Protein backbone atom coordinates (compact mmCIF):
# COMPACT_ATOMS: atom_id res chain seq x y z
CA MET A 1 8.29 36.85 -12.88
CA ALA A 2 9.77 39.68 -9.80
CA ASN A 3 7.92 42.21 -11.47
CA LYS A 4 4.61 41.17 -11.57
CA THR A 5 1.37 40.61 -8.72
CA VAL A 6 0.40 37.16 -9.48
CA ALA A 7 -0.85 34.22 -7.70
CA GLU A 8 1.40 31.03 -8.74
CA ILE A 9 -0.49 27.43 -8.81
CA ASN A 10 1.64 24.74 -8.09
CA LEU A 11 0.61 21.75 -10.34
CA ASN A 12 3.10 19.61 -8.67
CA ASN A 13 1.69 19.90 -4.91
CA LEU A 14 -1.71 20.19 -6.25
CA ALA A 15 -1.13 16.28 -7.58
CA PHE A 16 0.71 15.25 -4.64
CA ASN A 17 -2.42 16.66 -2.20
CA VAL A 18 -4.91 14.90 -3.89
CA HIS A 19 -2.75 11.42 -4.87
CA ALA A 20 -2.66 11.51 -0.80
CA ILE A 21 -5.78 11.87 -0.34
CA ALA A 22 -6.50 8.80 -2.56
CA LYS A 23 -4.35 6.57 -1.00
CA LYS A 24 -6.01 7.43 2.29
CA VAL A 25 -9.91 6.78 1.20
CA SER A 26 -9.38 4.07 -1.18
CA PRO A 27 -11.03 1.93 -2.58
CA ALA A 28 -13.11 4.89 -2.48
CA ALA A 29 -13.18 7.16 -5.55
CA VAL A 30 -11.89 10.62 -5.33
CA ILE A 31 -14.53 13.34 -6.64
CA PRO A 32 -12.31 16.55 -7.00
CA VAL A 33 -14.46 19.57 -6.22
CA VAL A 34 -13.22 22.59 -8.70
CA LYS A 35 -16.07 24.92 -7.54
CA ALA A 36 -15.43 29.13 -7.47
CA ASP A 37 -12.55 28.69 -10.49
CA ALA A 38 -10.99 25.73 -8.05
CA TYR A 39 -10.93 27.78 -5.11
CA GLY A 40 -9.20 30.84 -6.67
CA HIS A 41 -6.47 28.96 -8.36
CA GLY A 42 -7.83 27.98 -12.23
CA ALA A 43 -10.56 25.96 -12.77
CA VAL A 44 -9.76 25.06 -15.88
CA ARG A 45 -5.95 24.17 -15.68
CA VAL A 46 -6.67 22.53 -12.36
CA THR A 47 -9.27 20.48 -13.80
CA LYS A 48 -6.96 19.14 -16.70
CA HIS A 49 -4.23 18.41 -14.58
CA LEU A 50 -6.52 16.47 -12.34
CA VAL A 51 -7.73 14.23 -15.44
CA LYS A 52 -3.80 13.97 -16.31
CA GLN A 53 -3.16 12.65 -12.91
CA GLY A 54 -5.84 9.74 -13.59
CA PHE A 55 -9.43 10.93 -11.99
CA LYS A 56 -12.37 10.50 -13.60
CA ALA A 57 -15.10 13.13 -11.94
CA PHE A 58 -15.06 16.63 -10.52
CA ALA A 59 -18.15 18.98 -8.69
CA VAL A 60 -18.74 21.99 -9.07
CA ALA A 61 -21.31 24.51 -7.62
CA GLN A 62 -23.31 25.92 -10.77
CA PHE A 63 -24.24 25.18 -14.25
CA GLN A 64 -21.88 27.79 -15.74
CA GLU A 65 -19.17 26.67 -14.14
CA ALA A 66 -20.00 22.98 -15.71
CA MET A 67 -20.20 24.78 -19.26
CA GLU A 68 -17.45 26.43 -18.75
CA LEU A 69 -15.13 23.06 -18.36
CA ARG A 70 -17.05 21.68 -20.69
CA GLU A 71 -15.97 23.99 -23.55
CA SER A 72 -12.53 23.53 -22.39
CA GLY A 73 -12.57 20.06 -23.71
CA ILE A 74 -13.24 18.31 -20.14
CA THR A 75 -15.72 15.08 -21.07
CA GLN A 76 -15.33 13.58 -17.50
CA PRO A 77 -18.57 13.66 -15.90
CA ILE A 78 -19.08 16.60 -13.80
CA LEU A 79 -22.02 16.72 -10.97
CA ILE A 80 -23.40 19.91 -10.14
CA PHE A 81 -24.45 20.94 -6.74
CA GLY A 82 -26.33 23.59 -7.17
CA ARG A 83 -29.99 23.46 -8.36
CA LEU A 84 -30.69 23.45 -12.20
CA LEU A 85 -33.69 25.54 -13.06
CA PRO A 86 -35.82 24.30 -16.27
CA ASP A 87 -33.85 26.58 -18.95
CA GLN A 88 -30.77 25.04 -18.22
CA ILE A 89 -31.74 21.37 -18.05
CA PRO A 90 -31.59 20.54 -21.90
CA ALA A 91 -28.25 21.47 -22.01
CA ALA A 92 -27.36 20.27 -18.97
CA ILE A 93 -28.71 16.89 -20.45
CA LYS A 94 -26.74 16.86 -23.25
CA ALA A 95 -23.58 18.13 -21.90
CA GLY A 96 -24.14 14.61 -19.27
CA PHE A 97 -23.76 16.91 -16.39
CA ARG A 98 -24.74 14.68 -13.28
CA ILE A 99 -27.82 16.69 -12.21
CA SER A 100 -28.55 17.14 -8.79
CA ILE A 101 -32.43 15.93 -7.33
CA PHE A 102 -33.85 18.18 -4.48
CA GLY A 103 -37.44 17.04 -4.80
CA LYS A 104 -40.33 15.70 -7.23
CA GLU A 105 -40.00 19.30 -8.95
CA ASP A 106 -37.00 18.52 -10.36
CA ILE A 107 -37.87 15.00 -11.56
CA ASP A 108 -40.93 16.74 -13.21
CA TRP A 109 -38.71 19.47 -14.98
CA ILE A 110 -36.69 16.80 -16.27
CA GLU A 111 -39.61 14.75 -18.07
CA LYS A 112 -40.96 17.86 -19.60
CA ALA A 113 -37.37 18.96 -20.98
CA GLY A 114 -38.49 16.16 -23.56
CA GLN A 115 -34.52 15.48 -24.54
CA ASN A 116 -33.71 12.08 -26.42
CA GLN A 117 -30.97 11.22 -23.82
CA SER A 118 -31.51 10.35 -20.39
CA ALA A 119 -30.46 12.87 -17.36
CA VAL A 120 -28.15 11.61 -15.32
CA VAL A 121 -29.20 12.20 -12.17
CA HIS A 122 -27.74 12.49 -8.10
CA VAL A 123 -30.07 12.70 -5.59
CA ASN A 124 -29.00 14.84 -2.47
CA VAL A 125 -30.68 14.02 0.77
CA GLU A 126 -31.00 16.45 3.92
CA THR A 127 -29.46 14.76 6.86
CA GLY A 128 -29.12 18.25 9.39
CA MET A 129 -27.49 20.80 7.02
CA GLY A 130 -30.42 22.67 6.79
CA ARG A 131 -29.57 24.13 3.53
CA VAL A 132 -30.49 21.98 0.24
CA GLY A 133 -31.53 18.73 0.08
CA VAL A 134 -34.41 16.00 0.07
CA PHE A 135 -36.92 15.74 3.38
CA LEU A 136 -37.80 12.23 2.56
CA ASP A 137 -40.95 12.90 5.60
CA GLN A 138 -42.18 15.25 2.79
CA GLU A 139 -41.47 13.31 -0.39
CA PRO A 140 -41.43 9.83 0.77
CA ASP A 141 -42.51 8.77 -2.76
CA ILE A 142 -39.30 10.47 -4.63
CA PHE A 143 -37.54 7.00 -5.18
CA ASP A 144 -40.57 5.28 -6.40
CA GLN A 145 -41.13 8.43 -8.93
CA LEU A 146 -37.19 8.38 -10.15
CA ILE A 147 -37.46 4.89 -10.79
CA ARG A 148 -40.62 4.86 -12.78
CA SER A 149 -39.07 8.19 -14.86
CA ARG A 150 -38.02 7.63 -18.06
CA GLN A 151 -35.95 10.01 -18.21
CA CYS A 152 -33.89 9.79 -15.20
CA LEU A 153 -30.70 7.66 -14.53
CA TRP A 154 -30.49 7.40 -10.90
CA GLU A 155 -26.78 7.27 -10.58
CA GLY A 156 -26.33 9.44 -7.37
CA LEU A 157 -27.17 9.42 -3.83
CA TYR A 158 -25.39 12.34 -1.26
CA SER A 159 -25.46 13.92 1.56
CA HIS A 160 -23.62 16.84 3.11
CA PHE A 161 -21.72 17.84 6.43
CA SER A 162 -22.34 20.44 8.85
CA THR A 163 -19.87 20.08 11.01
CA SER A 164 -17.49 17.34 9.95
CA ASP A 165 -14.32 19.93 10.62
CA GLU A 166 -15.20 20.80 14.29
CA ALA A 167 -13.48 18.71 16.82
CA ASP A 168 -16.74 18.06 18.33
CA LYS A 169 -17.81 14.88 15.92
CA ALA A 170 -21.55 14.16 17.72
CA TYR A 171 -23.64 16.00 15.23
CA ALA A 172 -21.15 14.95 12.43
CA ASN A 173 -21.99 11.23 13.29
CA THR A 174 -25.95 12.25 14.12
CA GLN A 175 -25.89 13.25 10.07
CA LEU A 176 -23.81 10.42 9.18
CA SER A 177 -26.05 7.83 10.69
CA ARG A 178 -29.03 9.43 9.42
CA PHE A 179 -27.57 9.10 6.07
CA GLN A 180 -26.91 5.30 6.61
CA ASN A 181 -30.43 4.86 7.81
CA ILE A 182 -31.69 6.22 4.65
CA LEU A 183 -29.14 3.61 2.88
CA ALA A 184 -30.79 0.77 4.43
CA GLN A 185 -34.54 1.92 3.28
CA ILE A 186 -33.41 2.39 -0.03
CA LYS A 187 -31.82 -1.89 0.04
CA SER A 188 -35.04 -2.83 -1.02
CA LEU A 189 -35.55 -0.91 -4.20
CA LYS A 190 -35.65 -2.30 -7.82
CA LYS A 191 -33.08 -0.08 -8.94
CA LYS A 192 -30.02 1.22 -6.76
CA PRO A 193 -27.92 4.14 -7.28
CA SER A 194 -24.13 3.33 -7.94
CA ILE A 195 -22.63 6.01 -6.30
CA ILE A 196 -22.69 6.72 -3.02
CA HIS A 197 -21.03 9.87 -1.72
CA MET A 198 -21.05 12.24 1.76
CA ALA A 199 -17.71 12.86 2.97
CA ASN A 200 -15.71 16.44 2.23
CA SER A 201 -12.57 17.41 3.22
CA GLY A 202 -13.22 17.12 6.86
CA ALA A 203 -14.75 13.81 6.79
CA VAL A 204 -11.98 12.58 4.72
CA LEU A 205 -9.60 13.43 7.59
CA ASP A 206 -11.04 12.38 10.19
CA ILE A 207 -14.94 10.31 9.75
CA PRO A 208 -13.56 7.14 7.57
CA ALA A 209 -17.40 5.55 8.18
CA SER A 210 -18.25 8.06 5.66
CA TYR A 211 -16.12 7.64 2.71
CA PHE A 212 -18.92 5.12 1.05
CA ASP A 213 -18.26 4.71 -2.77
CA ALA A 214 -16.76 8.09 -3.16
CA VAL A 215 -15.56 11.24 -0.94
CA ARG A 216 -15.57 15.37 -2.15
CA PRO A 217 -12.21 16.97 -0.71
CA GLY A 218 -12.13 20.75 -1.34
CA ILE A 219 -10.27 23.21 0.07
CA LEU A 220 -8.12 19.70 0.57
CA ILE A 221 -6.57 19.19 -2.79
CA TYR A 222 -5.44 22.78 -2.54
CA GLY A 223 -3.23 22.26 0.45
CA HIS A 224 -4.68 23.52 2.75
CA TYR A 225 -6.99 22.04 6.49
CA PRO A 226 -10.84 22.77 6.61
CA SER A 227 -10.15 24.29 10.23
CA SER A 228 -7.40 24.37 13.00
CA GLU A 229 -9.89 21.61 15.11
CA ILE A 230 -9.55 18.75 13.00
CA THR A 231 -6.61 15.96 12.59
CA GLN A 232 -4.19 16.68 10.16
CA SER A 233 -3.57 13.09 8.95
CA ILE A 234 -2.68 13.70 5.31
CA THR A 235 0.65 15.93 4.95
CA LEU A 236 -0.59 19.02 2.36
CA LYS A 237 1.26 21.19 0.20
CA GLN A 238 0.16 24.86 -0.33
CA VAL A 239 -0.75 24.88 -4.10
CA MET A 240 -1.16 28.46 -4.12
CA THR A 241 1.57 30.85 -3.52
CA LEU A 242 0.58 34.82 -3.95
CA LYS A 243 3.65 37.12 -5.12
CA THR A 244 3.99 40.83 -5.82
CA TYR A 245 7.47 42.69 -6.22
CA VAL A 246 8.44 46.15 -3.90
CA SER A 247 7.10 49.33 -6.62
CA HIS A 248 9.03 51.75 -4.28
CA VAL A 249 10.70 52.17 -1.15
CA ARG A 250 10.45 55.49 0.97
CA SER A 251 12.50 56.83 3.25
CA LEU A 252 9.93 58.74 6.33
CA PRO A 253 10.56 60.83 9.27
CA ALA A 254 9.05 60.10 13.33
CA GLY A 255 5.92 60.56 13.13
CA PHE A 256 4.92 60.28 9.68
CA PRO A 257 1.21 58.89 9.16
CA ILE A 258 0.74 55.92 6.34
CA SER A 259 -1.95 55.67 4.60
CA TYR A 260 -5.98 56.47 4.51
CA GLY A 261 -7.11 57.25 7.93
CA ARG A 262 -3.89 57.80 9.64
CA ARG A 263 -3.89 54.36 11.54
CA TRP A 264 -0.13 53.90 11.64
CA VAL A 265 2.36 56.11 12.30
CA THR A 266 6.21 55.90 11.75
CA PRO A 267 7.66 55.30 15.22
CA ARG A 268 11.63 56.55 13.97
CA ALA A 269 12.77 58.15 10.71
CA THR A 270 12.58 54.49 8.76
CA LYS A 271 11.34 53.04 5.40
CA ILE A 272 8.42 52.17 3.96
CA ALA A 273 8.22 49.74 1.14
CA VAL A 274 5.25 50.08 -1.50
CA LEU A 275 3.22 47.15 -2.88
CA PRO A 276 1.77 47.25 -6.05
CA LEU A 277 -1.34 45.22 -5.08
CA GLY A 278 -4.41 45.78 -2.48
CA TYR A 279 -8.03 44.60 -1.43
CA ALA A 280 -8.89 45.05 -5.69
CA ASP A 281 -6.43 42.05 -5.97
CA GLY A 282 -7.92 40.52 -3.20
CA LEU A 283 -6.04 41.40 -0.15
CA ASN A 284 -8.28 41.22 2.75
CA ARG A 285 -8.72 44.92 4.49
CA LYS A 286 -8.82 43.48 7.89
CA LEU A 287 -5.43 42.90 7.35
CA THR A 288 -4.32 46.44 7.62
CA ASN A 289 -1.71 46.84 11.08
CA GLN A 290 -1.82 42.76 11.00
CA GLY A 291 -0.60 41.52 8.15
CA GLU A 292 3.24 40.17 6.84
CA VAL A 293 5.00 39.55 4.38
CA LEU A 294 7.82 37.40 2.97
CA ILE A 295 11.18 39.75 1.56
CA GLN A 296 14.29 38.29 1.37
CA GLY A 297 13.72 35.93 3.38
CA LYS A 298 12.37 37.81 6.10
CA ARG A 299 8.85 38.79 7.59
CA TYR A 300 8.19 42.39 7.52
CA PRO A 301 4.63 43.94 8.66
CA MET A 302 2.04 45.19 6.85
CA VAL A 303 1.07 49.33 8.05
CA GLY A 304 -1.10 51.36 7.68
CA THR A 305 -4.73 50.70 5.95
CA ILE A 306 -4.73 48.52 3.04
CA SER A 307 -5.76 50.27 -0.44
CA MET A 308 -7.15 49.51 -3.20
CA ASP A 309 -4.21 49.31 -5.16
CA GLN A 310 -1.21 49.28 -3.23
CA THR A 311 -0.21 48.22 0.54
CA MET A 312 2.78 49.34 2.48
CA VAL A 313 5.49 47.20 4.74
CA HIS A 314 8.01 48.41 7.30
CA VAL A 315 11.07 47.50 6.34
CA GLY A 316 13.19 49.47 9.31
CA ASP A 317 16.71 49.99 7.84
CA ASP A 318 16.93 46.99 5.95
CA PRO A 319 18.49 47.07 2.42
CA ILE A 320 15.44 46.45 0.71
CA LYS A 321 14.89 47.60 -2.79
CA THR A 322 12.99 48.22 -5.75
CA GLY A 323 12.17 44.88 -7.85
CA ASP A 324 12.36 42.86 -4.62
CA GLU A 325 10.32 39.70 -4.53
CA VAL A 326 7.27 39.77 -1.95
CA ILE A 327 5.97 37.00 -0.53
CA LEU A 328 2.10 37.06 0.75
CA TRP A 329 1.37 33.38 1.34
CA GLY A 330 2.48 30.43 0.07
CA GLU A 331 5.69 28.10 -0.33
CA SER A 332 8.77 29.40 -1.72
CA ALA A 333 12.13 29.90 -1.63
CA GLN A 334 11.99 32.33 0.68
CA GLY A 335 9.77 30.54 3.02
CA THR A 336 6.34 30.04 3.60
CA ILE A 337 3.15 31.93 4.92
CA GLU A 338 0.79 29.75 5.86
CA VAL A 339 -2.87 30.77 4.20
CA SER A 340 -4.53 29.55 7.61
CA GLU A 341 -2.44 31.76 8.85
CA VAL A 342 -3.84 34.81 6.95
CA ALA A 343 -7.19 33.35 7.36
CA GLU A 344 -7.20 33.17 11.01
CA LYS A 345 -5.67 37.01 11.33
CA ILE A 346 -8.71 38.37 9.67
CA GLY A 347 -11.59 35.76 11.31
CA THR A 348 -11.71 33.86 8.51
CA ILE A 349 -11.36 30.56 6.85
CA PRO A 350 -9.04 29.32 3.82
CA TYR A 351 -11.58 28.74 1.59
CA GLU A 352 -11.99 32.89 1.40
CA VAL A 353 -8.51 33.44 1.35
CA THR A 354 -7.84 31.71 -2.13
CA CYS A 355 -11.38 32.26 -3.29
CA GLY A 356 -10.58 36.09 -2.86
CA VAL A 357 -7.57 36.87 -4.91
CA SER A 358 -9.36 38.54 -7.90
CA ARG A 359 -9.26 38.18 -11.79
CA ARG A 360 -7.22 41.12 -11.71
CA VAL A 361 -4.12 38.78 -10.80
CA PRO A 362 -3.12 36.41 -13.49
CA ARG A 363 -2.36 32.79 -12.33
CA VAL A 364 0.33 31.33 -13.50
CA TYR A 365 1.19 27.55 -13.66
CA VAL A 366 4.55 25.62 -12.53
CA GLY A 367 5.01 22.06 -12.46
CA ASP A 368 2.85 21.11 -14.75
CA SER A 369 4.72 17.58 -17.08
């Protein structure tokens, strides 16, 4: 372990987080979001562990993500957020995926697929995200068409918040109100969906009125808050720890430039530890002269331009040696570096940091019972 670059995934921390979410939103169900390879944590292993923890449905963004889970032996319902094209629909129906409906055209595609089993569908309604979803003023009869359909089994209705992770909840509350108005409209229908869901991670923390039948947490599951503006009303544990090791320690004179572009120069005779990972592994290049690592329980600065395969760390005169474990972020016996801290330094969000860890970095799973 000490001589490898790995993303260590703590399945006990994963379980801790998702059960804390479930307790907060009860009696609403939790639909864990495992898209983007479970935000970089490994969708198959993460989902299988969540199945063992008793969770009964999952959500992904794309058809191929759902297929990967099915082909790995996961039989639970999987909601696909993204739009399916006609050539994907037959396989999606056969696999029992929950298909998102964005308009009457989707219903037509399902009808024309000619499958001998019903397509289980969730209608995504536009409430102000401006990205995807049915505009009911443009397609006011879509629910009637869905009810008449012999091929569609209408299971769910949902929408998505744009600003639930912001301190000002005015717009989020506007979206919620629009969604509640839609729910009032469908009360008179002779067939209604059995699963109403809207809450993402920010709403799980701050907008209990949006819980409905189920919630869809993403980044919370992996131990991070969606922003610094929300209420940290659930205690979380980081699931991923990115680790590497010191591959080389170099003694350099004063005034010696480090890495491409000479963006950092040794202030005195000192030592530089070389780490065998770089931006090809998912260490953002913007951390150049900004990032920190943990070695022997102490923080040291990244110096010089982060390159594709190597990163340099200024260790001064400390007794750092080849083979020492290095923590880029996560929780460890050495201490903790929060992913949110890394994200803030480079002007992004925790989602991008964990999703950015490349496939070159092996995922190692610990804590699986």
